PDB file of N, CA and C in Angstrom:
ATOM      1  N   UNK A   1      -0.162  18.764 -21.473  1.00  0.00           N
ATOM      2  CA  UNK A   1      -1.184  18.760 -20.445  1.00  0.00           C
ATOM      3  C   UNK A   1      -0.595  18.238 -19.137  1.00  0.00           C
ATOM      4  N   UNK A   2      -0.763  18.983 -18.083  1.00  0.00           N
ATOM      5  CA  UNK A   2      -0.259  18.578 -16.779  1.00  0.00           C
ATOM      6  C   UNK A   2      -1.281  17.666 -16.101  1.00  0.00           C
ATOM      7  N   UNK A   3      -0.777  16.584 -15.528  1.00  0.00           N
ATOM      8  CA  UNK A   3      -1.653  15.629 -14.864  1.00  0.00           C
ATOM      9  C   UNK A   3      -2.054  16.110 -13.479  1.00  0.00           C
ATOM     10  N   UNK A   4      -3.240  15.701 -13.070  1.00  0.00           N
ATOM     11  CA  UNK A   4      -3.717  15.988 -11.723  1.00  0.00           C
ATOM     12  C   UNK A   4      -2.819  15.287 -10.707  1.00  0.00           C
ATOM     13  N   UNK A   5      -2.571  15.955  -9.604  1.00  0.00           N
ATOM     14  CA  UNK A   5      -1.738  15.378  -8.538  1.00  0.00           C
ATOM     15  C   UNK A   5      -2.635  14.545  -7.637  1.00  0.00           C
ATOM     16  N   UNK A   6      -2.618  13.240  -7.854  1.00  0.00           N
ATOM     17  CA  UNK A   6      -3.413  12.278  -7.090  1.00  0.00           C
ATOM     18  C   UNK A   6      -2.734  10.924  -7.198  1.00  0.00           C
ATOM     19  N   UNK A   7      -3.186   9.968  -6.407  1.00  0.00           N
ATOM     20  CA  UNK A   7      -2.659   8.610  -6.507  1.00  0.00           C
ATOM     21  C   UNK A   7      -3.285   7.946  -7.732  1.00  0.00           C
ATOM     22  N   UNK A   8      -2.424   7.442  -8.612  1.00  0.00           N
ATOM     23  CA  UNK A   8      -2.885   6.734  -9.803  1.00  0.00           C
ATOM     24  C   UNK A   8      -2.728   5.238  -9.569  1.00  0.00           C
ATOM     25  N   UNK A   9      -3.838   4.519  -9.677  1.00  0.00           N
ATOM     26  CA  UNK A   9      -3.717   3.079  -9.582  1.00  0.00           C
ATOM     27  C   UNK A   9      -3.986   2.484 -10.956  1.00  0.00           C
ATOM     28  N   UNK A  10      -3.341   1.390 -11.222  1.00  0.00           N
ATOM     29  CA  UNK A  10      -3.463   0.696 -12.497  1.00  0.00           C
ATOM     30  C   UNK A  10      -3.031   1.589 -13.663  1.00  0.00           C
ATOM     31  N   UNK A  11      -1.855   2.189 -13.527  1.00  0.00           N
ATOM     32  CA  UNK A  11      -1.375   3.118 -14.547  1.00  0.00           C
ATOM     33  C   UNK A  11      -0.524   2.441 -15.626  1.00  0.00           C
ATOM     34  N   UNK A  12      -0.090   1.215 -15.408  1.00  0.00           N
ATOM     35  CA  UNK A  12       0.786   0.542 -16.384  1.00  0.00           C
ATOM     36  C   UNK A  12       0.098   0.447 -17.739  1.00  0.00           C
ATOM     37  N   UNK A  13       0.860   0.710 -18.782  1.00  0.00           N
ATOM     38  CA  UNK A  13       0.387   0.630 -20.165  1.00  0.00           C
ATOM     39  C   UNK A  13      -0.721   1.630 -20.473  1.00  0.00           C
ATOM     40  N   UNK A  14      -0.755   2.737 -19.727  1.00  0.00           N
ATOM     41  CA  UNK A  14      -1.751   3.774 -19.985  1.00  0.00           C
ATOM     42  C   UNK A  14      -1.056   5.017 -20.526  1.00  0.00           C
ATOM     43  N   UNK A  15      -1.853   5.951 -21.021  1.00  0.00           N
ATOM     44  CA  UNK A  15      -1.315   7.219 -21.494  1.00  0.00           C
ATOM     45  C   UNK A  15      -0.643   7.937 -20.323  1.00  0.00           C
ATOM     46  N   UNK A  16       0.499   8.520 -20.568  1.00  0.00           N
ATOM     47  CA  UNK A  16       1.254   9.268 -19.555  1.00  0.00           C
ATOM     48  C   UNK A  16       1.698   8.403 -18.376  1.00  0.00           C
ATOM     49  N   UNK A  17       1.987   7.142 -18.632  1.00  0.00           N
ATOM     50  CA  UNK A  17       2.317   6.230 -17.521  1.00  0.00           C
ATOM     51  C   UNK A  17       3.547   6.667 -16.742  1.00  0.00           C
ATOM     52  N   UNK A  18       4.549   7.207 -17.396  1.00  0.00           N
ATOM     53  CA  UNK A  18       5.755   7.645 -16.679  1.00  0.00           C
ATOM     54  C   UNK A  18       5.454   8.802 -15.724  1.00  0.00           C
ATOM     55  N   UNK A  19       4.633   9.741 -16.172  1.00  0.00           N
ATOM     56  CA  UNK A  19       4.264  10.857 -15.313  1.00  0.00           C
ATOM     57  C   UNK A  19       3.437  10.387 -14.114  1.00  0.00           C
ATOM     58  N   UNK A  20       2.531   9.428 -14.362  1.00  0.00           N
ATOM     59  CA  UNK A  20       1.718   8.879 -13.280  1.00  0.00           C
ATOM     60  C   UNK A  20       2.600   8.154 -12.263  1.00  0.00           C
ATOM     61  N   UNK A  21       3.573   7.400 -12.755  1.00  0.00           N
ATOM     62  CA  UNK A  21       4.503   6.706 -11.856  1.00  0.00           C
ATOM     63  C   UNK A  21       5.294   7.710 -11.026  1.00  0.00           C
ATOM     64  N   UNK A  22       5.719   8.802 -11.648  1.00  0.00           N
ATOM     65  CA  UNK A  22       6.485   9.830 -10.943  1.00  0.00           C
ATOM     66  C   UNK A  22       5.637  10.494  -9.862  1.00  0.00           C
ATOM     67  N   UNK A  23       4.394  10.815 -10.181  1.00  0.00           N
ATOM     68  CA  UNK A  23       3.499  11.432  -9.196  1.00  0.00           C
ATOM     69  C   UNK A  23       3.285  10.481  -8.022  1.00  0.00           C
ATOM     70  N   UNK A  24       3.035   9.202  -8.310  1.00  0.00           N
ATOM     71  CA  UNK A  24       2.861   8.225  -7.230  1.00  0.00           C
ATOM     72  C   UNK A  24       4.089   8.158  -6.337  1.00  0.00           C
ATOM     73  N   UNK A  25       5.252   8.147  -6.956  1.00  0.00           N
ATOM     74  CA  UNK A  25       6.497   8.079  -6.193  1.00  0.00           C
ATOM     75  C   UNK A  25       6.665   9.310  -5.302  1.00  0.00           C
ATOM     76  N   UNK A  26       6.342  10.474  -5.829  1.00  0.00           N
ATOM     77  CA  UNK A  26       6.443  11.712  -5.047  1.00  0.00           C
ATOM     78  C   UNK A  26       5.463  11.701  -3.872  1.00  0.00           C
ATOM     79  N   UNK A  27       4.229  11.264  -4.122  1.00  0.00           N
ATOM     80  CA  UNK A  27       3.237  11.196  -3.047  1.00  0.00           C
ATOM     81  C   UNK A  27       3.681  10.195  -1.994  1.00  0.00           C
ATOM     82  N   UNK A  28       4.217   9.059  -2.426  1.00  0.00           N
ATOM     83  CA  UNK A  28       4.723   8.048  -1.490  1.00  0.00           C
ATOM     84  C   UNK A  28       5.840   8.627  -0.617  1.00  0.00           C
ATOM     85  N   UNK A  29       6.775   9.331  -1.235  1.00  0.00           N
ATOM     86  CA  UNK A  29       7.873   9.948  -0.480  1.00  0.00           C
ATOM     87  C   UNK A  29       7.335  10.948   0.551  1.00  0.00           C
ATOM     88  N   UNK A  30       6.322  11.726   0.172  1.00  0.00           N
ATOM     89  CA  UNK A  30       5.711  12.679   1.103  1.00  0.00           C
ATOM     90  C   UNK A  30       5.044  11.960   2.277  1.00  0.00           C
ATOM     91  N   UNK A  31       4.354  10.857   1.991  1.00  0.00           N
ATOM     92  CA  UNK A  31       3.706  10.083   3.050  1.00  0.00           C
ATOM     93  C   UNK A  31       4.745   9.475   3.990  1.00  0.00           C
ATOM     94  N   UNK A  32       5.850   8.992   3.415  1.00  0.00           N
ATOM     95  CA  UNK A  32       6.921   8.409   4.237  1.00  0.00           C
ATOM     96  C   UNK A  32       7.581   9.469   5.125  1.00  0.00           C
ATOM     97  N   UNK A  33       7.643  10.699   4.638  1.00  0.00           N
ATOM     98  CA  UNK A  33       8.223  11.780   5.439  1.00  0.00           C
ATOM     99  C   UNK A  33       7.260  12.233   6.538  1.00  0.00           C
ATOM    100  N   UNK A  34       5.971  12.142   6.279  1.00  0.00           N
ATOM    101  CA  UNK A  34       4.963  12.616   7.220  1.00  0.00           C
ATOM    102  C   UNK A  34       4.652  11.595   8.308  1.00  0.00           C
ATOM    103  N   UNK A  35       4.666  10.305   7.956  1.00  0.00           N
ATOM    104  CA  UNK A  35       4.263   9.244   8.883  1.00  0.00           C
ATOM    105  C   UNK A  35       5.410   8.272   9.142  1.00  0.00           C
ATOM    106  N   UNK A  36       5.418   7.717  10.321  1.00  0.00           N
ATOM    107  CA  UNK A  36       6.353   6.642  10.645  1.00  0.00           C
ATOM    108  C   UNK A  36       5.651   5.334  10.266  1.00  0.00           C
ATOM    109  N   UNK A  37       6.228   4.624   9.282  1.00  0.00           N
ATOM    110  CA  UNK A  37       5.582   3.459   8.680  1.00  0.00           C
ATOM    111  C   UNK A  37       6.395   2.205   8.992  1.00  0.00           C
ATOM    112  N   UNK A  38       5.692   1.139   9.382  1.00  0.00           N
ATOM    113  CA  UNK A  38       6.352  -0.129   9.689  1.00  0.00           C
ATOM    114  C   UNK A  38       5.622  -1.289   9.028  1.00  0.00           C
ATOM    115  N   UNK A  39       6.362  -2.061   8.240  1.00  0.00           N
ATOM    116  CA  UNK A  39       5.866  -3.350   7.740  1.00  0.00           C
ATOM    117  C   UNK A  39       6.407  -4.393   8.700  1.00  0.00           C
ATOM    118  N   UNK A  40       5.519  -5.128   9.367  1.00  0.00           N
ATOM    119  CA  UNK A  40       5.955  -6.074  10.393  1.00  0.00           C
ATOM    120  C   UNK A  40       6.261  -7.446   9.807  1.00  0.00           C
ATOM    121  N   UNK A  41       7.253  -8.081  10.423  1.00  0.00           N
ATOM    122  CA  UNK A  41       7.587  -9.470  10.096  1.00  0.00           C
ATOM    123  C   UNK A  41       8.040  -9.684   8.672  1.00  0.00           C
ATOM    124  N   UNK A  42       8.052 -10.919   8.316  1.00  0.00           N
ATOM    125  CA  UNK A  42       8.386 -11.307   6.946  1.00  0.00           C
ATOM    126  C   UNK A  42       7.094 -11.582   6.200  1.00  0.00           C
ATOM    127  N   UNK A  43       7.165 -11.630   4.884  1.00  0.00           N
ATOM    128  CA  UNK A  43       5.976 -11.942   4.097  1.00  0.00           C
ATOM    129  C   UNK A  43       5.541 -13.375   4.374  1.00  0.00           C
ATOM    130  N   UNK A  44       4.247 -13.573   4.607  1.00  0.00           N
ATOM    131  CA  UNK A  44       3.696 -14.921   4.658  1.00  0.00           C
ATOM    132  C   UNK A  44       3.643 -15.429   3.213  1.00  0.00           C
ATOM    133  N   UNK A  45       3.882 -16.702   2.989  1.00  0.00           N
ATOM    134  CA  UNK A  45       3.997 -17.214   1.619  1.00  0.00           C
ATOM    135  C   UNK A  45       2.901 -18.168   1.193  1.00  0.00           C
ATOM    136  N   UNK A  46       1.978 -18.476   2.057  1.00  0.00           N
ATOM    137  CA  UNK A  46       0.898 -19.386   1.688  1.00  0.00           C
ATOM    138  C   UNK A  46      -0.418 -18.740   2.070  1.00  0.00           C
ATOM    139  N   UNK A  47      -1.467 -19.053   1.303  1.00  0.00           N
ATOM    140  CA  UNK A  47      -2.774 -18.458   1.571  1.00  0.00           C
ATOM    141  C   UNK A  47      -3.260 -18.710   2.989  1.00  0.00           C
ATOM    142  N   UNK A  48      -2.912 -19.844   3.553  1.00  0.00           N
ATOM    143  CA  UNK A  48      -3.399 -20.153   4.900  1.00  0.00           C
ATOM    144  C   UNK A  48      -2.391 -19.795   5.986  1.00  0.00           C
ATOM    145  N   UNK A  49      -1.222 -19.274   5.611  1.00  0.00           N
ATOM    146  CA  UNK A  49      -0.235 -18.856   6.607  1.00  0.00           C
ATOM    147  C   UNK A  49      -0.686 -17.530   7.214  1.00  0.00           C
ATOM    148  N   UNK A  50      -0.655 -17.415   8.535  1.00  0.00           N
ATOM    149  CA  UNK A  50      -1.134 -16.170   9.158  1.00  0.00           C
ATOM    150  C   UNK A  50      -0.212 -14.986   8.886  1.00  0.00           C
ATOM    151  N   UNK A  51      -0.792 -13.794   8.910  1.00  0.00           N
ATOM    152  CA  UNK A  51      -0.011 -12.571   8.805  1.00  0.00           C
ATOM    153  C   UNK A  51       0.853 -12.415  10.055  1.00  0.00           C
ATOM    154  N   UNK A  52       1.988 -11.768   9.900  1.00  0.00           N
ATOM    155  CA  UNK A  52       2.782 -11.385  11.076  1.00  0.00           C
ATOM    156  C   UNK A  52       1.958 -10.398  11.897  1.00  0.00           C
ATOM    157  N   UNK A  53       2.110 -10.463  13.187  1.00  0.00           N
ATOM    158  CA  UNK A  53       1.357  -9.595  14.095  1.00  0.00           C
ATOM    159  C   UNK A  53       2.316  -8.638  14.795  1.00  0.00           C
ATOM    160  N   UNK A  54       1.977  -7.345  14.840  1.00  0.00           N
ATOM    161  CA  UNK A  54       2.857  -6.381  15.504  1.00  0.00           C
ATOM    162  C   UNK A  54       2.775  -6.502  17.022  1.00  0.00           C
ATOM    163  N   UNK A  55       3.836  -6.086  17.675  1.00  0.00           N
ATOM    164  CA  UNK A  55       3.841  -6.021  19.128  1.00  0.00           C
ATOM    165  C   UNK A  55       3.148  -4.737  19.570  1.00  0.00           C
ATOM    166  N   UNK A  56       2.807  -4.661  20.833  1.00  0.00           N
ATOM    167  CA  UNK A  56       2.216  -3.430  21.377  1.00  0.00           C
ATOM    168  C   UNK A  56       3.171  -2.256  21.212  1.00  0.00           C
ATOM    169  N   UNK A  57       4.451  -2.506  21.388  1.00  0.00           N
ATOM    170  CA  UNK A  57       5.464  -1.457  21.229  1.00  0.00           C
ATOM    171  C   UNK A  57       5.513  -0.964  19.786  1.00  0.00           C
ATOM    172  N   UNK A  58       5.465  -1.876  18.817  1.00  0.00           N
ATOM    173  CA  UNK A  58       5.475  -1.477  17.406  1.00  0.00           C
ATOM    174  C   UNK A  58       4.242  -0.637  17.070  1.00  0.00           C
ATOM    175  N   UNK A  59       3.099  -1.018  17.604  1.00  0.00           N
ATOM    176  CA  UNK A  59       1.879  -0.240  17.371  1.00  0.00           C
ATOM    177  C   UNK A  59       1.978   1.150  18.001  1.00  0.00           C
ATOM    178  N   UNK A  60       2.539   1.219  19.193  1.00  0.00           N
ATOM    179  CA  UNK A  60       2.642   2.495  19.892  1.00  0.00           C
ATOM    180  C   UNK A  60       3.642   3.447  19.242  1.00  0.00           C
ATOM    181  N   UNK A  61       4.694   2.902  18.632  1.00  0.00           N
ATOM    182  CA  UNK A  61       5.787   3.727  18.120  1.00  0.00           C
ATOM    183  C   UNK A  61       5.699   4.061  16.636  1.00  0.00           C
ATOM    184  N   UNK A  62       4.614   3.677  15.967  1.00  0.00           N
ATOM    185  CA  UNK A  62       4.477   3.918  14.535  1.00  0.00           C
ATOM    186  C   UNK A  62       3.091   4.454  14.219  1.00  0.00           C
ATOM    187  N   UNK A  63       3.001   5.236  13.140  1.00  0.00           N
ATOM    188  CA  UNK A  63       1.722   5.786  12.703  1.00  0.00           C
ATOM    189  C   UNK A  63       0.945   4.809  11.838  1.00  0.00           C
ATOM    190  N   UNK A  64       1.682   4.065  11.006  1.00  0.00           N
ATOM    191  CA  UNK A  64       1.077   3.090  10.090  1.00  0.00           C
ATOM    192  C   UNK A  64       1.808   1.772  10.287  1.00  0.00           C
ATOM    193  N   UNK A  65       1.030   0.706  10.527  1.00  0.00           N
ATOM    194  CA  UNK A  65       1.609  -0.617  10.736  1.00  0.00           C
ATOM    195  C   UNK A  65       0.831  -1.605   9.874  1.00  0.00           C
ATOM    196  N   UNK A  66       1.571  -2.392   9.074  1.00  0.00           N
ATOM    197  CA  UNK A  66       0.906  -3.369   8.203  1.00  0.00           C
ATOM    198  C   UNK A  66       1.779  -4.606   8.021  1.00  0.00           C
ATOM    199  N   UNK A  67       1.147  -5.663   7.526  1.00  0.00           N
ATOM    200  CA  UNK A  67       1.844  -6.908   7.198  1.00  0.00           C
ATOM    201  C   UNK A  67       1.405  -7.352   5.811  1.00  0.00           C
ATOM    202  N   UNK A  68       2.213  -8.222   5.180  1.00  0.00           N
ATOM    203  CA  UNK A  68       1.942  -8.673   3.811  1.00  0.00           C
ATOM    204  C   UNK A  68       1.936 -10.192   3.735  1.00  0.00           C
ATOM    205  N   UNK A  69       1.048 -10.692   2.881  1.00  0.00           N
ATOM    206  CA  UNK A  69       1.042 -12.111   2.540  1.00  0.00           C
ATOM    207  C   UNK A  69       1.101 -12.200   1.011  1.00  0.00           C
ATOM    208  N   UNK A  70       2.092 -12.940   0.502  1.00  0.00           N
ATOM    209  CA  UNK A  70       2.257 -13.102  -0.939  1.00  0.00           C
ATOM    210  C   UNK A  70       1.286 -14.150  -1.458  1.00  0.00           C
ATOM    211  N   UNK A  71       0.622 -13.831  -2.550  1.00  0.00           N
ATOM    212  CA  UNK A  71      -0.308 -14.753  -3.197  1.00  0.00           C
ATOM    213  C   UNK A  71      -0.038 -14.719  -4.697  1.00  0.00           C
ATOM    214  N   UNK A  72      -0.647 -15.619  -5.441  1.00  0.00           N
ATOM    215  CA  UNK A  72      -0.451 -15.655  -6.884  1.00  0.00           C
ATOM    216  C   UNK A  72      -1.020 -14.392  -7.528  1.00  0.00           C
ATOM    217  N   UNK A  73      -0.155 -13.577  -8.122  1.00  0.00           N
ATOM    218  CA  UNK A  73      -0.570 -12.384  -8.845  1.00  0.00           C
ATOM    219  C   UNK A  73      -1.014 -11.219  -7.989  1.00  0.00           C
ATOM    220  N   UNK A  74      -0.851 -11.341  -6.688  1.00  0.00           N
ATOM    221  CA  UNK A  74      -1.293 -10.255  -5.819  1.00  0.00           C
ATOM    222  C   UNK A  74      -0.600 -10.346  -4.467  1.00  0.00           C
ATOM    223  N   UNK A  75      -0.627  -9.256  -3.736  1.00  0.00           N
ATOM    224  CA  UNK A  75      -0.167  -9.232  -2.354  1.00  0.00           C
ATOM    225  C   UNK A  75      -1.342  -8.841  -1.477  1.00  0.00           C
ATOM    226  N   UNK A  76      -1.551  -9.599  -0.422  1.00  0.00           N
ATOM    227  CA  UNK A  76      -2.606  -9.268   0.531  1.00  0.00           C
ATOM    228  C   UNK A  76      -1.975  -8.545   1.709  1.00  0.00           C
ATOM    229  N   UNK A  77      -2.581  -7.448   2.112  1.00  0.00           N
ATOM    230  CA  UNK A  77      -2.043  -6.624   3.184  1.00  0.00           C
ATOM    231  C   UNK A  77      -3.055  -6.500   4.313  1.00  0.00           C
ATOM    232  N   UNK A  78      -2.575  -6.679   5.520  1.00  0.00           N
ATOM    233  CA  UNK A  78      -3.386  -6.470   6.723  1.00  0.00           C
ATOM    234  C   UNK A  78      -2.919  -5.161   7.337  1.00  0.00           C
ATOM    235  N   UNK A  79      -3.828  -4.224   7.484  1.00  0.00           N
ATOM    236  CA  UNK A  79      -3.519  -2.925   8.072  1.00  0.00           C
ATOM    237  C   UNK A  79      -3.885  -2.988   9.552  1.00  0.00           C
ATOM    238  N   UNK A  80      -2.891  -2.855  10.412  1.00  0.00           N
ATOM    239  CA  UNK A  80      -3.129  -2.903  11.846  1.00  0.00           C
ATOM    240  C   UNK A  80      -3.354  -1.518  12.440  1.00  0.00           C
ATOM    241  N   UNK A  81      -2.757  -0.514  11.818  1.00  0.00           N
ATOM    242  CA  UNK A  81      -2.905   0.849  12.333  1.00  0.00           C
ATOM    243  C   UNK A  81      -2.671   1.823  11.189  1.00  0.00           C
ATOM    244  N   UNK A  82      -3.553   2.823  11.081  1.00  0.00           N
ATOM    245  CA  UNK A  82      -3.391   3.875  10.071  1.00  0.00           C
ATOM    246  C   UNK A  82      -4.259   5.067  10.468  1.00  0.00           C
ATOM    247  N   UNK A  83      -3.764   6.276  10.256  1.00  0.00           N
ATOM    248  CA  UNK A  83      -4.565   7.464  10.555  1.00  0.00           C
ATOM    249  C   UNK A  83      -5.830   7.505   9.684  1.00  0.00           C
ATOM    250  N   UNK A  84      -6.917   7.960  10.260  1.00  0.00           N
ATOM    251  CA  UNK A  84      -8.189   8.009   9.538  1.00  0.00           C
ATOM    252  C   UNK A  84      -8.163   8.938   8.327  1.00  0.00           C
ATOM    253  N   UNK A  85      -7.272   9.935   8.339  1.00  0.00           N
ATOM    254  CA  UNK A  85      -7.255  10.884   7.220  1.00  0.00           C
ATOM    255  C   UNK A  85      -6.663  10.302   5.939  1.00  0.00           C
ATOM    256  N   UNK A  86      -6.016   9.133   6.018  1.00  0.00           N
ATOM    257  CA  UNK A  86      -5.477   8.504   4.812  1.00  0.00           C
ATOM    258  C   UNK A  86      -6.594   7.861   3.999  1.00  0.00           C
ATOM    259  N   UNK A  87      -6.543   8.067   2.690  1.00  0.00           N
ATOM    260  CA  UNK A  87      -7.524   7.426   1.809  1.00  0.00           C
ATOM    261  C   UNK A  87      -7.100   5.976   1.542  1.00  0.00           C
ATOM    262  N   UNK A  88      -8.013   5.175   1.020  1.00  0.00           N
ATOM    263  CA  UNK A  88      -7.654   3.809   0.635  1.00  0.00           C
ATOM    264  C   UNK A  88      -6.589   3.821  -0.458  1.00  0.00           C
ATOM    265  N   UNK A  89      -6.665   4.787  -1.381  1.00  0.00           N
ATOM    266  CA  UNK A  89      -5.633   4.905  -2.422  1.00  0.00           C
ATOM    267  C   UNK A  89      -4.260   5.125  -1.789  1.00  0.00           C
ATOM    268  N   UNK A  90      -4.185   5.999  -0.795  1.00  0.00           N
ATOM    269  CA  UNK A  90      -2.904   6.260  -0.127  1.00  0.00           C
ATOM    270  C   UNK A  90      -2.413   5.037   0.638  1.00  0.00           C
ATOM    271  N   UNK A  91      -3.315   4.331   1.319  1.00  0.00           N
ATOM    272  CA  UNK A  91      -2.912   3.107   2.018  1.00  0.00           C
ATOM    273  C   UNK A  91      -2.398   2.055   1.043  1.00  0.00           C
ATOM    274  N   UNK A  92      -3.084   1.891  -0.077  1.00  0.00           N
ATOM    275  CA  UNK A  92      -2.635   0.927  -1.086  1.00  0.00           C
ATOM    276  C   UNK A  92      -1.273   1.333  -1.646  1.00  0.00           C
ATOM    277  N   UNK A  93      -1.075   2.624  -1.872  1.00  0.00           N
ATOM    278  CA  UNK A  93       0.207   3.117  -2.377  1.00  0.00           C
ATOM    279  C   UNK A  93       1.333   2.811  -1.386  1.00  0.00           C
ATOM    280  N   UNK A  94       1.080   3.008  -0.104  1.00  0.00           N
ATOM    281  CA  UNK A  94       2.070   2.696   0.929  1.00  0.00           C
ATOM    282  C   UNK A  94       2.385   1.203   0.920  1.00  0.00           C
ATOM    283  N   UNK A  95       1.346   0.380   0.880  1.00  0.00           N
ATOM    284  CA  UNK A  95       1.554  -1.073   0.878  1.00  0.00           C
ATOM    285  C   UNK A  95       2.382  -1.522  -0.318  1.00  0.00           C
ATOM    286  N   UNK A  96       2.182  -0.902  -1.464  1.00  0.00           N
ATOM    287  CA  UNK A  96       2.903  -1.293  -2.682  1.00  0.00           C
ATOM    288  C   UNK A  96       4.196  -0.506  -2.871  1.00  0.00           C
ATOM    289  N   UNK A  97       4.655   0.181  -1.856  1.00  0.00           N
ATOM    290  CA  UNK A  97       5.940   0.854  -1.924  1.00  0.00           C
ATOM    291  C   UNK A  97       6.007   1.987  -2.931  1.00  0.00           C
ATOM    292  N   UNK A  98       4.878   2.667  -3.176  1.00  0.00           N
ATOM    293  CA  UNK A  98       4.870   3.823  -4.068  1.00  0.00           C
ATOM    294  C   UNK A  98       4.596   3.498  -5.520  1.00  0.00           C
ATOM    295  N   UNK A  99       4.168   2.291  -5.829  1.00  0.00           N
ATOM    296  CA  UNK A  99       4.016   1.861  -7.204  1.00  0.00           C
ATOM    297  C   UNK A  99       2.559   1.883  -7.671  1.00  0.00           C
ATOM    298  N   UNK A 100       1.819   0.850  -7.398  1.00  0.00           N
ATOM    299  CA  UNK A 100       0.429   0.633  -7.817  1.00  0.00           C
ATOM    300  C   UNK A 100       0.248   0.572  -9.329  1.00  0.00           C
ATOM    301  N   UNK A 101       1.248   0.084 -10.048  1.00  0.00           N
ATOM    302  CA  UNK A 101       1.145   0.061 -11.509  1.00  0.00           C
ATOM    303  C   UNK A 101       0.013  -0.836 -12.012  1.00  0.00           C
ATOM    304  N   UNK A 102      -0.321  -1.883 -11.264  1.00  0.00           N
ATOM    305  CA  UNK A 102      -1.415  -2.769 -11.677  1.00  0.00           C
ATOM    306  C   UNK A 102      -2.663  -2.569 -10.826  1.00  0.00           C
ATOM    307  N   UNK A 103      -2.614  -1.633  -9.904  1.00  0.00           N
ATOM    308  CA  UNK A 103      -3.778  -1.276  -9.122  1.00  0.00           C
ATOM    309  C   UNK A 103      -4.011  -2.162  -7.917  1.00  0.00           C
ATOM    310  N   UNK A 104      -5.196  -2.013  -7.357  1.00  0.00           N
ATOM    311  CA  UNK A 104      -5.598  -2.839  -6.220  1.00  0.00           C
ATOM    312  C   UNK A 104      -7.086  -3.119  -6.332  1.00  0.00           C
ATOM    313  N   UNK A 105      -7.520  -4.140  -5.632  1.00  0.00           N
ATOM    314  CA  UNK A 105      -8.918  -4.568  -5.701  1.00  0.00           C
ATOM    315  C   UNK A 105      -9.774  -3.636  -4.840  1.00  0.00           C
ATOM    316  N   UNK A 106     -10.232  -2.547  -5.434  1.00  0.00           N
ATOM    317  CA  UNK A 106     -10.996  -1.544  -4.689  1.00  0.00           C
ATOM    318  C   UNK A 106     -12.288  -2.125  -4.120  1.00  0.00           C
ATOM    319  N   UNK A 107     -12.889  -3.041  -4.828  1.00  0.00           N
ATOM    320  CA  UNK A 107     -14.157  -3.604  -4.372  1.00  0.00           C
ATOM    321  C   UNK A 107     -13.992  -4.429  -3.094  1.00  0.00           C
ATOM    322  N   UNK A 108     -12.765  -4.864  -2.799  1.00  0.00           N
ATOM    323  CA  UNK A 108     -12.493  -5.643  -1.593  1.00  0.00           C
ATOM    324  C   UNK A 108     -11.820  -4.810  -0.502  1.00  0.00           C
ATOM    325  N   UNK A 109     -11.338  -3.649  -0.842  1.00  0.00           N
ATOM    326  CA  UNK A 109     -10.493  -2.866   0.076  1.00  0.00           C
ATOM    327  C   UNK A 109     -11.293  -2.310   1.249  1.00  0.00           C
ATOM    328  N   UNK A 110     -10.672  -2.389   2.423  1.00  0.00           N
ATOM    329  CA  UNK A 110     -11.234  -1.806   3.636  1.00  0.00           C
ATOM    330  C   UNK A 110     -10.107  -1.087   4.367  1.00  0.00           C
ATOM    331  N   UNK A 111     -10.388  -0.485   5.488  1.00  0.00           N
ATOM    332  CA  UNK A 111      -9.358   0.180   6.286  1.00  0.00           C
ATOM    333  C   UNK A 111      -8.417  -0.828   6.930  1.00  0.00           C
ATOM    334  N   UNK A 112      -8.748  -2.118   6.903  1.00  0.00           N
ATOM    335  CA  UNK A 112      -7.904  -3.127   7.536  1.00  0.00           C
ATOM    336  C   UNK A 112      -7.369  -4.175   6.576  1.00  0.00           C
ATOM    337  N   UNK A 113      -7.810  -4.174   5.325  1.00  0.00           N
ATOM    338  CA  UNK A 113      -7.375  -5.207   4.383  1.00  0.00           C
ATOM    339  C   UNK A 113      -7.356  -4.650   2.959  1.00  0.00           C
ATOM    340  N   UNK A 114      -6.197  -4.799   2.301  1.00  0.00           N
ATOM    341  CA  UNK A 114      -6.033  -4.327   0.922  1.00  0.00           C
ATOM    342  C   UNK A 114      -5.342  -5.415   0.110  1.00  0.00           C
ATOM    343  N   UNK A 115      -5.819  -5.626  -1.095  1.00  0.00           N
ATOM    344  CA  UNK A 115      -5.228  -6.598  -1.999  1.00  0.00           C
ATOM    345  C   UNK A 115      -4.651  -5.853  -3.202  1.00  0.00           C
ATOM    346  N   UNK A 116      -3.316  -5.836  -3.333  1.00  0.00           N
ATOM    347  CA  UNK A 116      -2.646  -5.132  -4.418  1.00  0.00           C
ATOM    348  C   UNK A 116      -2.327  -6.125  -5.523  1.00  0.00           C
ATOM    349  N   UNK A 117      -2.668  -5.762  -6.754  1.00  0.00           N
ATOM    350  CA  UNK A 117      -2.404  -6.625  -7.908  1.00  0.00           C
ATOM    351  C   UNK A 117      -0.945  -6.485  -8.325  1.00  0.00           C
ATOM    352  N   UNK A 118      -0.336  -7.619  -8.641  1.00  0.00           N
ATOM    353  CA  UNK A 118       1.090  -7.637  -8.997  1.00  0.00           C
ATOM    354  C   UNK A 118       1.291  -8.459 -10.248  1.00  0.00           C
ATOM    355  N   UNK A 119       2.437  -8.308 -10.859  1.00  0.00           N
ATOM    356  CA  UNK A 119       2.791  -9.067 -12.050  1.00  0.00           C
ATOM    357  C   UNK A 119       3.282 -10.441 -11.657  1.00  0.00           C
TER     358      UNK A 119
END
């Protein structure tokens, strides 16, 4: 059975997990080829540490701009710029570098903030 071509979140330890990982990786590569993507600054390491902020030049010269803050068991992402045609699944996939094996907190996700679950 051929799997549907879509972003799979929380695919780890599921049926056809390798195929789902491959599809995610392919979609991520396509998004990286289509859009100029920038992760700004270094990862913030404390819950109260502010996210890195992009410069006006970084915002002007990139299609997607985001920052990351490391937290226990998850990464918090601030989306500063992204095309409206991208779905939340695609934004989460970009933030997690093409993986999403443990998924993301869909109930909290917005166009400006995504929380990706990590091991």
